[in-house]
Amino acid sequence: MITIGTDIVDVARVRDKHDAIISRVLTAREQAYCQAQADPPQHMAGRFAAKEAVFKALHAPSPSGISWLDIDVHNDAHGVPHATLFGAAAAFATQHGLRGLYISIAHVRDFATATAVCEWPDKT
């Protein structure tokens, strides 16, 4: 079974709430990555959209105990984005047999968008 999630973020909102997003939403690795970019808020918006897309694709009940910091969005050596789950997100994924998690992020000056796809065992 496949589940998907998508999200879009207005970069201007991230610029306005820059400090709150850094401390509440981004892991240390994500913070370092975004701060090293020419336009950090644009990349923060992309990470935020990716995390929201992962939440949606997981189909976890609300409240599930999953926090923003339970999802770490990072790029591999080829620049391909990936999401790693920790804490409650990892426990939920393991409990329900998550087989694969795939993400895509895109951003332009004003908006960032992301899509997440979860691959689960077929339900019979």
PDB file of N, CA and C in Angstrom:
ATOM      1  N   MET A   1       0.844  -1.169   0.000  1.00  0.00           N
ATOM      2  CA  MET A   1       0.000   0.000   0.000  1.00  0.00           C
ATOM      3  C   MET A   1       0.896   1.242   0.000  1.00  0.00           C
ATOM      4  N   ILE A   2       0.439   2.267  -0.692  1.00  0.00           N
ATOM      5  CA  ILE A   2       1.163   3.533  -0.788  1.00  0.00           C
ATOM      6  C   ILE A   2       0.309   4.639  -0.176  1.00  0.00           C
ATOM      7  N   THR A   3       0.921   5.493   0.640  1.00  0.00           N
ATOM      8  CA  THR A   3       0.248   6.693   1.137  1.00  0.00           C
ATOM      9  C   THR A   3       1.116   7.893   0.786  1.00  0.00           C
ATOM     10  N   ILE A   4       0.469   9.020   0.534  1.00  0.00           N
ATOM     11  CA  ILE A   4       1.232  10.215   0.171  1.00  0.00           C
ATOM     12  C   ILE A   4       0.815  11.392   1.039  1.00  0.00           C
ATOM     13  N   GLY A   5       1.701  12.368   1.114  1.00  0.00           N
ATOM     14  CA  GLY A   5       1.415  13.632   1.777  1.00  0.00           C
ATOM     15  C   GLY A   5       2.112  14.730   1.004  1.00  0.00           C
ATOM     16  N   THR A   6       1.522  15.899   1.001  1.00  0.00           N
ATOM     17  CA  THR A   6       2.136  17.037   0.321  1.00  0.00           C
ATOM     18  C   THR A   6       1.884  18.291   1.146  1.00  0.00           C
ATOM     19  N   ASP A   7       2.744  19.273   0.979  1.00  0.00           N
ATOM     20  CA  ASP A   7       2.578  20.531   1.683  1.00  0.00           C
ATOM     21  C   ASP A   7       3.254  21.640   0.898  1.00  0.00           C
ATOM     22  N   ILE A   8       2.769  22.846   1.085  1.00  0.00           N
ATOM     23  CA  ILE A   8       3.375  24.029   0.489  1.00  0.00           C
ATOM     24  C   ILE A   8       3.510  25.082   1.588  1.00  0.00           C
ATOM     25  N   VAL A   9       4.623  25.794   1.591  1.00  0.00           N
ATOM     26  CA  VAL A   9       4.907  26.791   2.624  1.00  0.00           C
ATOM     27  C   VAL A   9       5.266  28.112   1.959  1.00  0.00           C
ATOM     28  N   ASP A  10       4.697  29.180   2.474  1.00  0.00           N
ATOM     29  CA  ASP A  10       5.012  30.538   2.026  1.00  0.00           C
ATOM     30  C   ASP A  10       6.335  30.946   2.678  1.00  0.00           C
ATOM     31  N   VAL A  11       7.357  31.176   1.894  1.00  0.00           N
ATOM     32  CA  VAL A  11       8.692  31.508   2.414  1.00  0.00           C
ATOM     33  C   VAL A  11       8.643  32.777   3.261  1.00  0.00           C
ATOM     34  N   ALA A  12       7.781  33.727   2.924  1.00  0.00           N
ATOM     35  CA  ALA A  12       7.685  34.967   3.708  1.00  0.00           C
ATOM     36  C   ALA A  12       7.283  34.686   5.153  1.00  0.00           C
ATOM     37  N   ARG A  13       6.424  33.701   5.368  1.00  0.00           N
ATOM     38  CA  ARG A  13       6.037  33.340   6.746  1.00  0.00           C
ATOM     39  C   ARG A  13       7.230  32.792   7.516  1.00  0.00           C
ATOM     40  N   VAL A  14       8.073  32.059   6.838  1.00  0.00           N
ATOM     41  CA  VAL A  14       9.273  31.526   7.494  1.00  0.00           C
ATOM     42  C   VAL A  14      10.235  32.665   7.812  1.00  0.00           C
ATOM     43  N   ARG A  15      10.397  33.602   6.890  1.00  0.00           N
ATOM     44  CA  ARG A  15      11.271  34.755   7.158  1.00  0.00           C
ATOM     45  C   ARG A  15      10.804  35.503   8.400  1.00  0.00           C
ATOM     46  N   ASP A  16       9.480  35.647   8.560  1.00  0.00           N
ATOM     47  CA  ASP A  16       8.918  36.372   9.700  1.00  0.00           C
ATOM     48  C   ASP A  16       9.095  35.616  11.014  1.00  0.00           C
ATOM     49  N   LYS A  17       9.122  34.286  10.955  1.00  0.00           N
ATOM     50  CA  LYS A  17       9.200  33.461  12.168  1.00  0.00           C
ATOM     51  C   LYS A  17      10.494  32.653  12.217  1.00  0.00           C
ATOM     52  N   HIS A  18      11.511  33.159  11.607  1.00  0.00           N
ATOM     53  CA  HIS A  18      12.808  32.497  11.452  1.00  0.00           C
ATOM     54  C   HIS A  18      13.307  31.855  12.748  1.00  0.00           C
ATOM     55  N   ASP A  19      13.384  32.604  13.823  1.00  0.00           N
ATOM     56  CA  ASP A  19      13.937  32.091  15.081  1.00  0.00           C
ATOM     57  C   ASP A  19      13.085  30.980  15.684  1.00  0.00           C
ATOM     58  N   ALA A  20      11.772  31.134  15.635  1.00  0.00           N
ATOM     59  CA  ALA A  20      10.885  30.114  16.188  1.00  0.00           C
ATOM     60  C   ALA A  20      10.996  28.805  15.420  1.00  0.00           C
ATOM     61  N   ILE A  21      11.126  28.888  14.119  1.00  0.00           N
ATOM     62  CA  ILE A  21      11.224  27.673  13.311  1.00  0.00           C
ATOM     63  C   ILE A  21      12.537  26.959  13.577  1.00  0.00           C
ATOM     64  N   ILE A  22      13.611  27.712  13.682  1.00  0.00           N
ATOM     65  CA  ILE A  22      14.909  27.085  13.936  1.00  0.00           C
ATOM     66  C   ILE A  22      14.875  26.266  15.211  1.00  0.00           C
ATOM     67  N   SER A  23      14.407  26.840  16.295  1.00  0.00           N
ATOM     68  CA  SER A  23      14.481  26.158  17.582  1.00  0.00           C
ATOM     69  C   SER A  23      13.422  25.078  17.768  1.00  0.00           C
ATOM     70  N   ARG A  24      12.254  25.236  17.160  1.00  0.00           N
ATOM     71  CA  ARG A  24      11.158  24.316  17.407  1.00  0.00           C
ATOM     72  C   ARG A  24      11.027  23.208  16.376  1.00  0.00           C
ATOM     73  N   VAL A  25      11.437  23.475  15.136  1.00  0.00           N
ATOM     74  CA  VAL A  25      11.124  22.564  14.040  1.00  0.00           C
ATOM     75  C   VAL A  25      12.339  21.848  13.467  1.00  0.00           C
ATOM     76  N   LEU A  26      13.489  22.512  13.411  1.00  0.00           N
ATOM     77  CA  LEU A  26      14.645  21.955  12.709  1.00  0.00           C
ATOM     78  C   LEU A  26      15.631  21.256  13.639  1.00  0.00           C
ATOM     79  N   THR A  27      16.112  20.089  13.204  1.00  0.00           N
ATOM     80  CA  THR A  27      17.169  19.396  13.938  1.00  0.00           C
ATOM     81  C   THR A  27      18.482  20.172  13.761  1.00  0.00           C
ATOM     82  N   ALA A  28      19.481  19.833  14.536  1.00  0.00           N
ATOM     83  CA  ALA A  28      20.785  20.502  14.424  1.00  0.00           C
ATOM     84  C   ALA A  28      21.364  20.349  13.023  1.00  0.00           C
ATOM     85  N   ARG A  29      21.230  19.170  12.425  1.00  0.00           N
ATOM     86  CA  ARG A  29      21.744  18.951  11.078  1.00  0.00           C
ATOM     87  C   ARG A  29      20.998  19.815  10.062  1.00  0.00           C
ATOM     88  N   GLU A  30      19.681  19.916  10.203  1.00  0.00           N
ATOM     89  CA  GLU A  30      18.892  20.745   9.302  1.00  0.00           C
ATOM     90  C   GLU A  30      19.248  22.222   9.457  1.00  0.00           C
ATOM     91  N   GLN A  31      19.437  22.654  10.687  1.00  0.00           N
ATOM     92  CA  GLN A  31      19.821  24.043  10.940  1.00  0.00           C
ATOM     93  C   GLN A  31      21.139  24.371  10.252  1.00  0.00           C
ATOM     94  N   ALA A  32      22.117  23.498  10.416  1.00  0.00           N
ATOM     95  CA  ALA A  32      23.437  23.732   9.806  1.00  0.00           C
ATOM     96  C   ALA A  32      23.322  23.793   8.287  1.00  0.00           C
ATOM     97  N   TYR A  33      22.564  22.891   7.706  1.00  0.00           N
ATOM     98  CA  TYR A  33      22.385  22.882   6.252  1.00  0.00           C
ATOM     99  C   TYR A  33      21.748  24.188   5.781  1.00  0.00           C
ATOM    100  N   CYS A  34      20.646  24.566   6.409  1.00  0.00           N
ATOM    101  CA  CYS A  34      19.920  25.771   5.974  1.00  0.00           C
ATOM    102  C   CYS A  34      20.768  27.027   6.134  1.00  0.00           C
ATOM    103  N   GLN A  35      21.476  27.150   7.252  1.00  0.00           N
ATOM    104  CA  GLN A  35      22.294  28.337   7.499  1.00  0.00           C
ATOM    105  C   GLN A  35      23.437  28.453   6.501  1.00  0.00           C
ATOM    106  N   ALA A  36      23.855  27.339   5.910  1.00  0.00           N
ATOM    107  CA  ALA A  36      24.956  27.362   4.940  1.00  0.00           C
ATOM    108  C   ALA A  36      24.486  27.747   3.533  1.00  0.00           C
ATOM    109  N   GLN A  37      23.182  27.896   3.325  1.00  0.00           N
ATOM    110  CA  GLN A  37      22.637  28.219   2.003  1.00  0.00           C
ATOM    111  C   GLN A  37      22.568  29.729   1.806  1.00  0.00           C
ATOM    112  N   ALA A  38      22.502  30.151   0.556  1.00  0.00           N
ATOM    113  CA  ALA A  38      22.442  31.585   0.229  1.00  0.00           C
ATOM    114  C   ALA A  38      21.171  32.234   0.781  1.00  0.00           C
ATOM    115  N   ASP A  39      20.064  31.509   0.809  1.00  0.00           N
ATOM    116  CA  ASP A  39      18.790  32.028   1.320  1.00  0.00           C
ATOM    117  C   ASP A  39      18.242  31.041   2.355  1.00  0.00           C
ATOM    118  N   PRO A  40      18.736  31.105   3.602  1.00  0.00           N
ATOM    119  CA  PRO A  40      18.324  30.122   4.618  1.00  0.00           C
ATOM    120  C   PRO A  40      16.809  29.961   4.785  1.00  0.00           C
ATOM    121  N   PRO A  41      16.002  31.034   4.840  1.00  0.00           N
ATOM    122  CA  PRO A  41      14.561  30.827   5.025  1.00  0.00           C
ATOM    123  C   PRO A  41      13.910  30.002   3.912  1.00  0.00           C
ATOM    124  N   GLN A  42      14.398  30.126   2.691  1.00  0.00           N
ATOM    125  CA  GLN A  42      13.844  29.333   1.594  1.00  0.00           C
ATOM    126  C   GLN A  42      14.070  27.843   1.858  1.00  0.00           C
ATOM    127  N   HIS A  43      15.235  27.495   2.344  1.00  0.00           N
ATOM    128  CA  HIS A  43      15.543  26.090   2.631  1.00  0.00           C
ATOM    129  C   HIS A  43      14.843  25.615   3.902  1.00  0.00           C
ATOM    130  N   MET A  44      14.685  26.507   4.881  1.00  0.00           N
ATOM    131  CA  MET A  44      13.910  26.163   6.074  1.00  0.00           C
ATOM    132  C   MET A  44      12.469  25.849   5.688  1.00  0.00           C
ATOM    133  N   ALA A  45      11.911  26.648   4.785  1.00  0.00           N
ATOM    134  CA  ALA A  45      10.546  26.405   4.319  1.00  0.00           C
ATOM    135  C   ALA A  45      10.448  25.042   3.636  1.00  0.00           C
ATOM    136  N   GLY A  46      11.467  24.673   2.871  1.00  0.00           N
ATOM    137  CA  GLY A  46      11.481  23.365   2.230  1.00  0.00           C
ATOM    138  C   GLY A  46      11.521  22.232   3.229  1.00  0.00           C
ATOM    139  N   ARG A  47      12.346  22.381   4.271  1.00  0.00           N
ATOM    140  CA  ARG A  47      12.428  21.353   5.318  1.00  0.00           C
ATOM    141  C   ARG A  47      11.107  21.264   6.071  1.00  0.00           C
ATOM    142  N   PHE A  48      10.526  22.416   6.379  1.00  0.00           N
ATOM    143  CA  PHE A  48       9.246  22.447   7.080  1.00  0.00           C
ATOM    144  C   PHE A  48       8.165  21.758   6.235  1.00  0.00           C
ATOM    145  N   ALA A  49       8.085  22.070   4.950  1.00  0.00           N
ATOM    146  CA  ALA A  49       7.107  21.440   4.061  1.00  0.00           C
ATOM    147  C   ALA A  49       7.331  19.929   3.987  1.00  0.00           C
ATOM    148  N   ALA A  50       8.589  19.507   3.945  1.00  0.00           N
ATOM    149  CA  ALA A  50       8.890  18.075   3.875  1.00  0.00           C
ATOM    150  C   ALA A  50       8.430  17.357   5.144  1.00  0.00           C
ATOM    151  N   LYS A  51       8.677  17.971   6.290  1.00  0.00           N
ATOM    152  CA  LYS A  51       8.242  17.341   7.542  1.00  0.00           C
ATOM    153  C   LYS A  51       6.720  17.228   7.586  1.00  0.00           C
ATOM    154  N   GLU A  52       6.016  18.284   7.180  1.00  0.00           N
ATOM    155  CA  GLU A  52       4.558  18.250   7.161  1.00  0.00           C
ATOM    156  C   GLU A  52       4.065  17.183   6.177  1.00  0.00           C
ATOM    157  N   ALA A  53       4.712  17.058   5.039  1.00  0.00           N
ATOM    158  CA  ALA A  53       4.329  16.026   4.063  1.00  0.00           C
ATOM    159  C   ALA A  53       4.546  14.631   4.643  1.00  0.00           C
ATOM    160  N   VAL A  54       5.635  14.437   5.381  1.00  0.00           N
ATOM    161  CA  VAL A  54       5.889  13.137   6.018  1.00  0.00           C
ATOM    162  C   VAL A  54       4.808  12.830   7.052  1.00  0.00           C
ATOM    163  N   PHE A  55       4.462  13.825   7.891  1.00  0.00           N
ATOM    164  CA  PHE A  55       3.371  13.622   8.855  1.00  0.00           C
ATOM    165  C   PHE A  55       2.114  13.122   8.145  1.00  0.00           C
ATOM    166  N   LYS A  56       1.764  13.780   7.056  1.00  0.00           N
ATOM    167  CA  LYS A  56       0.556  13.413   6.324  1.00  0.00           C
ATOM    168  C   LYS A  56       0.670  12.023   5.711  1.00  0.00           C
ATOM    169  N   ALA A  57       1.818  11.694   5.149  1.00  0.00           N
ATOM    170  CA  ALA A  57       2.003  10.387   4.504  1.00  0.00           C
ATOM    171  C   ALA A  57       2.015   9.248   5.522  1.00  0.00           C
ATOM    172  N   LEU A  58       2.485   9.514   6.733  1.00  0.00           N
ATOM    173  CA  LEU A  58       2.507   8.471   7.764  1.00  0.00           C
ATOM    174  C   LEU A  58       1.095   8.060   8.179  1.00  0.00           C
ATOM    175  N   HIS A  59       0.137   8.956   8.044  1.00  0.00           N
ATOM    176  CA  HIS A  59      -1.247   8.692   8.453  1.00  0.00           C
ATOM    177  C   HIS A  59      -1.322   8.328   9.927  1.00  0.00           C
ATOM    178  N   ALA A  60      -0.484   8.921  10.739  1.00  0.00           N
ATOM    179  CA  ALA A  60      -0.498   8.668  12.181  1.00  0.00           C
ATOM    180  C   ALA A  60      -1.706   9.360  12.797  1.00  0.00           C
ATOM    181  N   PRO A  61      -2.309   8.746  13.806  1.00  0.00           N
ATOM    182  CA  PRO A  61      -3.456   9.395  14.451  1.00  0.00           C
ATOM    183  C   PRO A  61      -3.006  10.664  15.174  1.00  0.00           C
ATOM    184  N   SER A  62      -3.933  11.574  15.364  1.00  0.00           N
ATOM    185  CA  SER A  62      -3.624  12.819  16.067  1.00  0.00           C
ATOM    186  C   SER A  62      -4.335  12.798  17.413  1.00  0.00           C
ATOM    187  N   PRO A  63      -3.681  13.039  18.505  1.00  0.00           N
ATOM    188  CA  PRO A  63      -2.232  13.236  18.617  1.00  0.00           C
ATOM    189  C   PRO A  63      -1.505  11.897  18.630  1.00  0.00           C
ATOM    190  N   SER A  64      -0.365  11.861  18.036  1.00  0.00           N
ATOM    191  CA  SER A  64       0.415  10.624  17.940  1.00  0.00           C
ATOM    192  C   SER A  64       1.692  10.690  18.757  1.00  0.00           C
ATOM    193  N   GLY A  65       2.022  11.870  19.267  1.00  0.00           N
ATOM    194  CA  GLY A  65       3.264  12.037  20.001  1.00  0.00           C
ATOM    195  C   GLY A  65       4.452  12.297  19.101  1.00  0.00           C
ATOM    196  N   ILE A  66       4.240  12.335  17.795  1.00  0.00           N
ATOM    197  CA  ILE A  66       5.331  12.602  16.858  1.00  0.00           C
ATOM    198  C   ILE A  66       5.621  14.099  16.867  1.00  0.00           C
ATOM    199  N   SER A  67       6.889  14.444  17.043  1.00  0.00           N
ATOM    200  CA  SER A  67       7.279  15.855  17.055  1.00  0.00           C
ATOM    201  C   SER A  67       8.038  16.199  15.782  1.00  0.00           C
ATOM    202  N   TRP A  68       8.175  17.497  15.528  1.00  0.00           N
ATOM    203  CA  TRP A  68       8.934  17.963  14.363  1.00  0.00           C
ATOM    204  C   TRP A  68      10.347  17.399  14.379  1.00  0.00           C
ATOM    205  N   LEU A  69      10.925  17.281  15.564  1.00  0.00           N
ATOM    206  CA  LEU A  69      12.310  16.836  15.674  1.00  0.00           C
ATOM    207  C   LEU A  69      12.462  15.328  15.520  1.00  0.00           C
ATOM    208  N   ASP A  70      11.340  14.606  15.398  1.00  0.00           N
ATOM    209  CA  ASP A  70      11.378  13.166  15.129  1.00  0.00           C
ATOM    210  C   ASP A  70      11.598  12.866  13.644  1.00  0.00           C
ATOM    211  N   ILE A  71      11.602  13.910  12.826  1.00  0.00           N
ATOM    212  CA  ILE A  71      11.828  13.767  11.381  1.00  0.00           C
ATOM    213  C   ILE A  71      13.019  14.640  11.011  1.00  0.00           C
ATOM    214  N   ASP A  72      14.044  14.028  10.461  1.00  0.00           N
ATOM    215  CA  ASP A  72      15.242  14.761  10.034  1.00  0.00           C
ATOM    216  C   ASP A  72      15.329  14.691   8.521  1.00  0.00           C
ATOM    217  N   VAL A  73      15.300  15.852   7.874  1.00  0.00           N
ATOM    218  CA  VAL A  73      15.366  15.935   6.409  1.00  0.00           C
ATOM    219  C   VAL A  73      16.789  16.330   6.029  1.00  0.00           C
ATOM    220  N   HIS A  74      17.395  15.526   5.179  1.00  0.00           N
ATOM    221  CA  HIS A  74      18.789  15.765   4.788  1.00  0.00           C
ATOM    222  C   HIS A  74      18.989  15.320   3.338  1.00  0.00           C
ATOM    223  N   ASN A  75      20.076  15.755   2.746  1.00  0.00           N
ATOM    224  CA  ASN A  75      20.404  15.375   1.372  1.00  0.00           C
ATOM    225  C   ASN A  75      21.550  14.377   1.378  1.00  0.00           C
ATOM    226  N   ASP A  76      21.505  13.440   0.432  1.00  0.00           N
ATOM    227  CA  ASP A  76      22.629  12.514   0.303  1.00  0.00           C
ATOM    228  C   ASP A  76      23.751  13.186  -0.501  1.00  0.00           C
ATOM    229  N   ALA A  77      24.796  12.462  -0.792  1.00  0.00           N
ATOM    230  CA  ALA A  77      25.962  13.014  -1.491  1.00  0.00           C
ATOM    231  C   ALA A  77      25.624  13.529  -2.891  1.00  0.00           C
ATOM    232  N   HIS A  78      24.506  13.064  -3.448  1.00  0.00           N
ATOM    233  CA  HIS A  78      24.096  13.486  -4.784  1.00  0.00           C
ATOM    234  C   HIS A  78      23.053  14.601  -4.738  1.00  0.00           C
ATOM    235  N   GLY A  79      22.730  15.081  -3.536  1.00  0.00           N
ATOM    236  CA  GLY A  79      21.743  16.141  -3.382  1.00  0.00           C
ATOM    237  C   GLY A  79      20.309  15.666  -3.286  1.00  0.00           C
ATOM    238  N   VAL A  80      20.096  14.359  -3.273  1.00  0.00           N
ATOM    239  CA  VAL A  80      18.749  13.800  -3.188  1.00  0.00           C
ATOM    240  C   VAL A  80      18.254  13.901  -1.741  1.00  0.00           C
ATOM    241  N   PRO A  81      17.055  14.476  -1.522  1.00  0.00           N
ATOM    242  CA  PRO A  81      16.558  14.593  -0.149  1.00  0.00           C
ATOM    243  C   PRO A  81      16.049  13.260   0.394  1.00  0.00           C
ATOM    244  N   HIS A  82      16.265  13.083   1.693  1.00  0.00           N
ATOM    245  CA  HIS A  82      15.801  11.898   2.422  1.00  0.00           C
ATOM    246  C   HIS A  82      15.260  12.350   3.764  1.00  0.00           C
ATOM    247  N   ALA A  83      14.421  11.539   4.357  1.00  0.00           N
ATOM    248  CA  ALA A  83      13.928  11.798   5.702  1.00  0.00           C
ATOM    249  C   ALA A  83      14.246  10.586   6.565  1.00  0.00           C
ATOM    250  N   THR A  84      14.818  10.847   7.734  1.00  0.00           N
ATOM    251  CA  THR A  84      15.102   9.805   8.707  1.00  0.00           C
ATOM    252  C   THR A  84      14.181  10.030   9.897  1.00  0.00           C
ATOM    253  N   LEU A  85      13.574   8.952  10.386  1.00  0.00           N
ATOM    254  CA  LEU A  85      12.639   9.036  11.500  1.00  0.00           C
ATOM    255  C   LEU A  85      13.308   8.639  12.802  1.00  0.00           C
ATOM    256  N   PHE A  86      12.954   9.339  13.865  1.00  0.00           N
ATOM    257  CA  PHE A  86      13.449   9.074  15.210  1.00  0.00           C
ATOM    258  C   PHE A  86      12.260   9.057  16.168  1.00  0.00           C
ATOM    259  N   GLY A  87      12.497   8.657  17.396  1.00  0.00           N
ATOM    260  CA  GLY A  87      11.499   8.764  18.458  1.00  0.00           C
ATOM    261  C   GLY A  87      10.162   8.151  18.103  1.00  0.00           C
ATOM    262  N   ALA A  88       9.093   8.913  18.387  1.00  0.00           N
ATOM    263  CA  ALA A  88       7.730   8.429  18.174  1.00  0.00           C
ATOM    264  C   ALA A  88       7.447   8.140  16.703  1.00  0.00           C
ATOM    265  N   ALA A  89       8.040   8.905  15.795  1.00  0.00           N
ATOM    266  CA  ALA A  89       7.832   8.654  14.367  1.00  0.00           C
ATOM    267  C   ALA A  89       8.432   7.311  13.968  1.00  0.00           C
ATOM    268  N   ALA A  90       9.631   7.025  14.451  1.00  0.00           N
ATOM    269  CA  ALA A  90      10.278   5.746  14.144  1.00  0.00           C
ATOM    270  C   ALA A  90       9.492   4.587  14.759  1.00  0.00           C
ATOM    271  N   ALA A  91       9.000   4.776  15.983  1.00  0.00           N
ATOM    272  CA  ALA A  91       8.221   3.724  16.640  1.00  0.00           C
ATOM    273  C   ALA A  91       6.933   3.440  15.864  1.00  0.00           C
ATOM    274  N   PHE A  92       6.245   4.490  15.431  1.00  0.00           N
ATOM    275  CA  PHE A  92       5.020   4.318  14.648  1.00  0.00           C
ATOM    276  C   PHE A  92       5.320   3.583  13.349  1.00  0.00           C
ATOM    277  N   ALA A  93       6.372   4.010  12.660  1.00  0.00           N
ATOM    278  CA  ALA A  93       6.738   3.394  11.381  1.00  0.00           C
ATOM    279  C   ALA A  93       7.077   1.918  11.558  1.00  0.00           C
ATOM    280  N   THR A  94       7.827   1.602  12.589  1.00  0.00           N
ATOM    281  CA  THR A  94       8.205   0.212  12.852  1.00  0.00           C
ATOM    282  C   THR A  94       6.971  -0.627  13.200  1.00  0.00           C
ATOM    283  N   GLN A  95       6.119  -0.092  14.066  1.00  0.00           N
ATOM    284  CA  GLN A  95       4.921  -0.804  14.494  1.00  0.00           C
ATOM    285  C   GLN A  95       4.008  -1.144  13.317  1.00  0.00           C
ATOM    286  N   HIS A  96       3.966  -0.256  12.330  1.00  0.00           N
ATOM    287  CA  HIS A  96       3.065  -0.462  11.192  1.00  0.00           C
ATOM    288  C   HIS A  96       3.766  -1.004   9.948  1.00  0.00           C
ATOM    289  N   GLY A  97       5.050  -1.321  10.073  1.00  0.00           N
ATOM    290  CA  GLY A  97       5.763  -2.003   8.996  1.00  0.00           C
ATOM    291  C   GLY A  97       6.185  -1.137   7.819  1.00  0.00           C
ATOM    292  N   LEU A  98       6.502   0.130   8.075  1.00  0.00           N
ATOM    293  CA  LEU A  98       6.923   1.009   6.982  1.00  0.00           C
ATOM    294  C   LEU A  98       8.074   0.362   6.216  1.00  0.00           C
ATOM    295  N   ARG A  99       7.913   0.246   4.902  1.00  0.00           N
ATOM    296  CA  ARG A  99       8.936  -0.369   4.048  1.00  0.00           C
ATOM    297  C   ARG A  99       9.821   0.660   3.366  1.00  0.00           C
ATOM    298  N   GLY A 100       9.286   1.835   3.099  1.00  0.00           N
ATOM    299  CA  GLY A 100      10.059   2.866   2.417  1.00  0.00           C
ATOM    300  C   GLY A 100       9.436   4.231   2.628  1.00  0.00           C
ATOM    301  N   LEU A 101      10.280   5.243   2.673  1.00  0.00           N
ATOM    302  CA  LEU A 101       9.845   6.630   2.810  1.00  0.00           C
ATOM    303  C   LEU A 101      10.638   7.448   1.811  1.00  0.00           C
ATOM    304  N   TYR A 102       9.937   8.137   0.928  1.00  0.00           N
ATOM    305  CA  TYR A 102      10.574   8.887  -0.150  1.00  0.00           C
ATOM    306  C   TYR A 102      10.040  10.315  -0.123  1.00  0.00           C
ATOM    307  N   ILE A 103      10.927  11.282  -0.315  1.00  0.00           N
ATOM    308  CA  ILE A 103      10.481  12.672  -0.319  1.00  0.00           C
ATOM    309  C   ILE A 103      11.057  13.422  -1.516  1.00  0.00           C
ATOM    310  N   SER A 104      10.371  14.489  -1.865  1.00  0.00           N
ATOM    311  CA  SER A 104      10.842  15.406  -2.882  1.00  0.00           C
ATOM    312  C   SER A 104      10.541  16.817  -2.393  1.00  0.00           C
ATOM    313  N   ILE A 105      11.479  17.729  -2.611  1.00  0.00           N
ATOM    314  CA  ILE A 105      11.337  19.118  -2.177  1.00  0.00           C
ATOM    315  C   ILE A 105      11.627  20.025  -3.369  1.00  0.00           C
ATOM    316  N   ALA A 106      10.840  21.078  -3.506  1.00  0.00           N
ATOM    317  CA  ALA A 106      11.098  22.091  -4.536  1.00  0.00           C
ATOM    318  C   ALA A 106      10.817  23.460  -3.925  1.00  0.00           C
ATOM    319  N   HIS A 107      11.591  24.450  -4.333  1.00  0.00           N
ATOM    320  CA  HIS A 107      11.317  25.795  -3.852  1.00  0.00           C
ATOM    321  C   HIS A 107      11.698  26.821  -4.905  1.00  0.00           C
ATOM    322  N   VAL A 108      10.960  27.919  -4.857  1.00  0.00           N
ATOM    323  CA  VAL A 108      11.225  29.109  -5.651  1.00  0.00           C
ATOM    324  C   VAL A 108      11.232  30.267  -4.662  1.00  0.00           C
ATOM    325  N   ARG A 109      11.433  31.460  -5.148  1.00  0.00           N
ATOM    326  CA  ARG A 109      11.587  32.609  -4.257  1.00  0.00           C
ATOM    327  C   ARG A 109      10.507  32.690  -3.183  1.00  0.00           C
ATOM    328  N   ASP A 110       9.246  32.491  -3.531  1.00  0.00           N
ATOM    329  CA  ASP A 110       8.147  32.730  -2.596  1.00  0.00           C
ATOM    330  C   ASP A 110       7.547  31.498  -1.937  1.00  0.00           C
ATOM    331  N   PHE A 111       7.780  30.316  -2.513  1.00  0.00           N
ATOM    332  CA  PHE A 111       7.136  29.113  -1.986  1.00  0.00           C
ATOM    333  C   PHE A 111       8.079  27.923  -1.985  1.00  0.00           C
ATOM    334  N   ALA A 112       7.830  27.036  -1.024  1.00  0.00           N
ATOM    335  CA  ALA A 112       8.514  25.738  -0.984  1.00  0.00           C
ATOM    336  C   ALA A 112       7.427  24.678  -0.898  1.00  0.00           C
ATOM    337  N   THR A 113       7.637  23.587  -1.604  1.00  0.00           N
ATOM    338  CA  THR A 113       6.674  22.494  -1.576  1.00  0.00           C
ATOM    339  C   THR A 113       7.416  21.176  -1.407  1.00  0.00           C
ATOM    340  N   ALA A 114       6.715  20.214  -0.849  1.00  0.00           N
ATOM    341  CA  ALA A 114       7.319  18.891  -0.664  1.00  0.00           C
ATOM    342  C   ALA A 114       6.229  17.831  -0.760  1.00  0.00           C
ATOM    343  N   THR A 115       6.650  16.665  -1.189  1.00  0.00           N
ATOM    344  CA  THR A 115       5.787  15.488  -1.250  1.00  0.00           C
ATOM    345  C   THR A 115       6.505  14.340  -0.579  1.00  0.00           C
ATOM    346  N   ALA A 116       5.762  13.555   0.179  1.00  0.00           N
ATOM    347  CA  ALA A 116       6.312  12.355   0.808  1.00  0.00           C
ATOM    348  C   ALA A 116       5.450  11.162   0.409  1.00  0.00           C
ATOM    349  N   VAL A 117       6.111  10.046   0.179  1.00  0.00           N
ATOM    350  CA  VAL A 117       5.438   8.797  -0.164  1.00  0.00           C
ATOM    351  C   VAL A 117       5.912   7.733   0.810  1.00  0.00           C
ATOM    352  N   CYS A 118       4.948   7.040   1.429  1.00  0.00           N
ATOM    353  CA  CYS A 118       5.266   5.930   2.325  1.00  0.00           C
ATOM    354  C   CYS A 118       4.824   4.628   1.666  1.00  0.00           C
ATOM    355  N   GLU A 119       5.676   3.642   1.773  1.00  0.00           N
ATOM    356  CA  GLU A 119       5.383   2.304   1.248  1.00  0.00           C
ATOM    357  C   GLU A 119       5.162   1.388   2.442  1.00  0.00           C
ATOM    358  N   TRP A 120       3.975   0.757   2.477  1.00  0.00           N
ATOM    359  CA  TRP A 120       3.569  -0.102   3.590  1.00  0.00           C
ATOM    360  C   TRP A 120       3.275  -1.506   3.087  1.00  0.00           C
ATOM    361  N   PRO A 121       3.224  -2.466   4.003  1.00  0.00           N
ATOM    362  CA  PRO A 121       2.802  -3.817   3.595  1.00  0.00           C
ATOM    363  C   PRO A 121       1.354  -3.768   3.087  1.00  0.00           C
ATOM    364  N   ASP A 122       1.039  -4.608   2.134  1.00  0.00           N
ATOM    365  CA  ASP A 122      -0.334  -4.684   1.645  1.00  0.00           C
ATOM    366  C   ASP A 122      -1.234  -5.210   2.761  1.00  0.00           C
ATOM    367  N   LYS A 123      -2.403  -4.594   2.877  1.00  0.00           N
ATOM    368  CA  LYS A 123      -3.376  -5.059   3.867  1.00  0.00           C
ATOM    369  C   LYS A 123      -4.256  -6.108   3.224  1.00  0.00           C
ATOM    370  N   THR A 124      -4.454  -7.200   3.936  1.00  0.00           N
ATOM    371  CA  THR A 124      -5.309  -8.272   3.381  1.00  0.00           C
ATOM    372  C   THR A 124      -6.558  -8.436   4.177  1.00  0.00           C
TER     373      THR A 124
END
